[in-house]
C-alpha atoms as a PDB file:
ATOM      1  CA  MET A   1       0.217  -0.104   0.064  1.00  0.00           C
ATOM      2  CA  LYS A   2       1.091   3.377  -0.942  1.00  0.00           C
ATOM      3  CA  LEU A   3      -0.213   6.656   0.831  1.00  0.00           C
ATOM      4  CA  ASN A   4       0.047   9.616  -1.033  1.00  0.00           C
ATOM      5  CA  MET A   5       0.984  12.116   1.706  1.00  0.00           C
ATOM      6  CA  ALA A   6       2.436  14.772  -1.099  1.00  0.00           C
ATOM      7  CA  ASP A   7      -0.114  17.333  -0.049  1.00  0.00           C
ATOM      8  CA  SER A   8      -0.193  16.816   3.792  1.00  0.00           C
ATOM      9  CA  ASP A   9       1.676  15.130   6.493  1.00  0.00           C
ATOM     10  CA  LYS A  10      -1.518  14.441   8.245  1.00  0.00           C
ATOM     11  CA  LEU A  11      -3.159  11.104   8.212  1.00  0.00           C
ATOM     12  CA  GLY A  12      -7.050  10.922   8.583  1.00  0.00           C
ATOM     13  CA  LYS A  13      -8.891   7.912   9.581  1.00  0.00           C
ATOM     14  CA  SER A  14      -9.111   6.432   6.185  1.00  0.00           C
ATOM     15  CA  GLU A  15      -5.498   6.334   5.829  1.00  0.00           C
ATOM     16  CA  MET A  16      -5.375   4.403   9.310  1.00  0.00           C
ATOM     17  CA  VAL A  17      -7.760   1.999   8.346  1.00  0.00           C
ATOM     18  CA  ASP A  18      -5.075   1.412   5.381  1.00  0.00           C
ATOM     19  CA  ILE A  19      -2.197   1.201   7.308  1.00  0.00           C
ATOM     20  CA  ILE A  20      -4.403  -1.257   9.888  1.00  0.00           C
ATOM     21  CA  SER A  21      -6.001  -3.587   7.293  1.00  0.00           C
ATOM     22  CA  ASP A  22      -1.828  -4.000   6.291  1.00  0.00           C
ATOM     23  CA  LYS A  23      -0.266  -3.922   9.068  1.00  0.00           C
ATOM     24  CA  MET A  24      -2.587  -6.662  10.655  1.00  0.00           C
ATOM     25  CA  ASP A  25      -3.693  -8.372   7.267  1.00  0.00           C
ATOM     26  CA  ILE A  26      -6.810  -7.953   7.422  1.00  0.00           C
ATOM     27  CA  THR A  27      -9.644  -6.434   5.031  1.00  0.00           C
ATOM     28  CA  LYS A  28     -10.539  -2.721   5.516  1.00  0.00           C
ATOM     29  CA  LYS A  29     -14.188  -3.328   6.129  1.00  0.00           C
ATOM     30  CA  GLN A  30     -11.877  -5.235   9.358  1.00  0.00           C
ATOM     31  CA  ALA A  31      -9.601  -2.501  10.133  1.00  0.00           C
ATOM     32  CA  ASP A  32     -12.366  -0.018  10.016  1.00  0.00           C
ATOM     33  CA  GLU A  33     -14.395  -1.674  13.073  1.00  0.00           C
ATOM     34  CA  PHE A  34     -11.452  -2.233  14.902  1.00  0.00           C
ATOM     35  CA  LEU A  35     -10.833   1.422  14.701  1.00  0.00           C
ATOM     36  CA  ASN A  36     -14.562   2.797  15.556  1.00  0.00           C
ATOM     37  CA  ALA A  37     -14.747   0.014  18.448  1.00  0.00           C
ATOM     38  CA  PHE A  38     -11.338   1.398  19.952  1.00  0.00           C
ATOM     39  CA  MET A  39     -12.259   5.127  19.843  1.00  0.00           C
ATOM     40  CA  GLU A  40     -15.651   4.156  20.784  1.00  0.00           C
ATOM     41  CA  THR A  41     -14.351   2.380  23.717  1.00  0.00           C
ATOM     42  CA  VAL A  42     -12.106   5.312  24.498  1.00  0.00           C
ATOM     43  CA  LYS A  43     -15.024   7.568  24.200  1.00  0.00           C
ATOM     44  CA  GLU A  44     -16.716   5.452  27.102  1.00  0.00           C
ATOM     45  CA  GLN A  45     -14.351   4.878  29.080  1.00  0.00           C
ATOM     46  CA  VAL A  46     -13.269   8.175  29.767  1.00  0.00           C
ATOM     47  CA  LEU A  47     -16.416  10.011  29.242  1.00  0.00           C
ATOM     48  CA  ASP A  48     -18.766   8.621  30.162  1.00  0.00           C
ATOM     49  CA  LYS A  49     -17.252   6.542  32.962  1.00  0.00           C
ATOM     50  CA  GLY A  50     -13.905   8.823  34.300  1.00  0.00           C
ATOM     51  CA  ASN A  51     -11.644   6.169  33.530  1.00  0.00           C
ATOM     52  CA  GLU A  52      -7.819   6.493  32.733  1.00  0.00           C
ATOM     53  CA  ILE A  53      -6.654   4.456  29.804  1.00  0.00           C
ATOM     54  CA  ARG A  54      -3.002   3.975  29.912  1.00  0.00           C
ATOM     55  CA  LEU A  55      -1.225   2.313  26.988  1.00  0.00           C
ATOM     56  CA  ARG A  56       2.050   1.446  28.041  1.00  0.00           C
ATOM     57  CA  GLU A  57       4.888   3.276  25.324  1.00  0.00           C
ATOM     58  CA  PHE A  58       1.910   5.125  23.917  1.00  0.00           C
ATOM     59  CA  GLY A  59       0.509   7.381  26.265  1.00  0.00           C
ATOM     60  CA  THR A  60      -2.861   8.123  28.415  1.00  0.00           C
ATOM     61  CA  PHE A  61      -6.103   8.786  27.772  1.00  0.00           C
ATOM     62  CA  LYS A  62      -8.303  10.803  30.652  1.00  0.00           C
ATOM     63  CA  GLN A  63     -10.932  12.864  31.206  1.00  0.00           C
ATOM     64  CA  LYS A  64     -10.489  16.982  31.325  1.00  0.00           C
ATOM     65  CA  VAL A  65     -13.183  18.754  32.585  1.00  0.00           C
ATOM     66  CA  THR A  66     -13.755  22.669  32.517  1.00  0.00           C
ATOM     67  CA  SER A  67     -15.734  24.991  34.695  1.00  0.00           C
ATOM     68  CA  ALA A  68     -18.292  27.092  33.613  1.00  0.00           C
ATOM     69  CA  ARG A  69     -16.479  30.388  32.936  1.00  0.00           C
ATOM     70  CA  VAL A  70     -17.910  34.189  32.153  1.00  0.00           C
ATOM     71  CA  GLY A  71     -16.207  35.066  28.365  1.00  0.00           C
ATOM     72  CA  ARG A  72     -16.514  38.029  26.575  1.00  0.00           C
ATOM     73  CA  ASN A  73     -17.786  38.523  22.680  1.00  0.00           C
ATOM     74  CA  PRO A  74     -14.743  40.364  21.361  1.00  0.00           C
ATOM     75  CA  ARG A  75     -16.813  42.589  18.585  1.00  0.00           C
ATOM     76  CA  THR A  76     -19.708  43.767  21.478  1.00  0.00           C
ATOM     77  CA  GLY A  77     -17.607  43.457  24.567  1.00  0.00           C
ATOM     78  CA  GLU A  78     -20.560  41.789  25.849  1.00  0.00           C
ATOM     79  CA  GLU A  79     -19.872  39.264  28.916  1.00  0.00           C
ATOM     80  CA  LEU A  80     -21.437  36.155  27.793  1.00  0.00           C
ATOM     81  CA  GLN A  81     -21.380  32.703  29.891  1.00  0.00           C
ATOM     82  CA  ILE A  82     -19.565  29.961  28.530  1.00  0.00           C
ATOM     83  CA  ALA A  83     -20.845  26.289  29.910  1.00  0.00           C
ATOM     84  CA  GLY A  84     -18.474  23.795  31.319  1.00  0.00           C
ATOM     85  CA  GLY A  85     -18.171  20.579  29.942  1.00  0.00           C
ATOM     86  CA  LYS A  86     -15.816  17.361  29.685  1.00  0.00           C
ATOM     87  CA  SER A  87     -13.322  16.026  26.691  1.00  0.00           C
ATOM     88  CA  VAL A  88     -10.772  13.723  26.415  1.00  0.00           C
ATOM     89  CA  ALA A  89      -7.108  14.645  26.791  1.00  0.00           C
ATOM     90  CA  TRP A  90      -4.323  12.407  26.032  1.00  0.00           C
ATOM     91  CA  SER A  91      -0.882  13.029  27.117  1.00  0.00           C
ATOM     92  CA  VAL A  92       2.195  11.489  25.528  1.00  0.00           C
ATOM     93  CA  SER A  93       4.236   8.505  27.417  1.00  0.00           C
ATOM     94  CA  SER A  94       7.725   8.819  28.233  1.00  0.00           C
ATOM     95  CA  ALA A  95       8.914   6.460  25.751  1.00  0.00           C
ATOM     96  CA  LEU A  96       7.097   7.497  23.106  1.00  0.00           C
ATOM     97  CA  LYS A  97       8.646  11.156  23.805  1.00  0.00           C
ATOM     98  CA  VAL A  98      12.256   9.680  23.835  1.00  0.00           C
ATOM     99  CA  LYS A  99      11.599   8.085  20.641  1.00  0.00           C
ATOM    100  CA  ALA A 100      10.449  11.003  18.843  1.00  0.00           C
ATOM    101  CA  THR A 101      12.994  13.587  20.252  1.00  0.00           C
ATOM    102  CA  ALA A 102      15.506  10.683  19.159  1.00  0.00           C
ATOM    103  CA  ALA A 103      13.811  10.767  15.493  1.00  0.00           C
ATOM    104  CA  GLY A 104      14.072  14.332  15.119  1.00  0.00           C
ATOM    105  CA  LYS A 105      17.488  14.847  16.623  1.00  0.00           C
ATOM    106  CA  LYS A 106      19.950  15.120  13.731  1.00  0.00           C
ATOM    107  CA  PRO A 107      23.014  13.022  14.518  1.00  0.00           C
ATOM    108  CA  ALA A 108      25.872  14.853  17.130  1.00  0.00           C
ATOM    109  CA  ALA A 109      28.740  16.304  14.867  1.00  0.00           C
ATOM    110  CA  ALA A 110      32.014  14.718  16.386  1.00  0.00           C
ATOM    111  CA  LYS A 111      34.172  17.817  18.511  1.00  0.00           C
ATOM    112  CA  PRO A 112      37.525  18.371  16.957  1.00  0.00           C
ATOM    113  CA  ALA A 113      40.359  16.988  18.905  1.00  0.00           C
ATOM    114  CA  ALA A 114      41.984  20.300  19.524  1.00  0.00           C
ATOM    115  CA  LYS A 115      39.317  21.658  21.171  1.00  0.00           C
ATOM    116  CA  ALA A 116      39.047  18.998  23.595  1.00  0.00           C
ATOM    117  CA  ALA A 117      42.943  19.130  24.201  1.00  0.00           C
ATOM    118  CA  ALA A 118      43.131  22.899  24.460  1.00  0.00           C
ATOM    119  CA  LYS A 119      41.264  22.621  27.878  1.00  0.00           C
ATOM    120  CA  PRO A 120      43.741  22.026  31.162  1.00  0.00           C
ATOM    121  CA  ALA A 121      42.779  19.018  33.398  1.00  0.00           C
ATOM    122  CA  ALA A 122      41.259  19.682  36.555  1.00  0.00           C
ATOM    123  CA  THR A 123      43.107  19.575  39.722  1.00  0.00           C
ATOM    124  CA  LYS A 124      42.427  18.958  42.591  1.00  0.00           C
ATOM    125  CA  LYS A 125      43.458  21.428  45.973  1.00  0.00           C
ATOM    126  CA  LYS A 126      44.854  20.283  49.155  1.00  0.00           C
END
């Protein structure tokens, strides 16, 4: 399978279905059902039940609750009430963060020997 990513580096649901079906050697319909079941489970467990979902080496899904607050209409300056609500927040695991950071770094250039030799060795005072 070859994805056409020339226009964007963002993957949508259909691209994820294609990737999952290829990786798992299943039909696209089965991959779509899997992805839908996963997303529905996250919504049910996090939003409805308030559970945290921790996926080792990936991240954590948890409920984020915002309280009601007073906002302002930028055009008129009129105050209005903004309702509180719930949403799903995702935080990256430290293992995935390290992997992502390492993938984005360029290899470090070797330090010239002359600079290393120019520094005097540290001596201890007694």
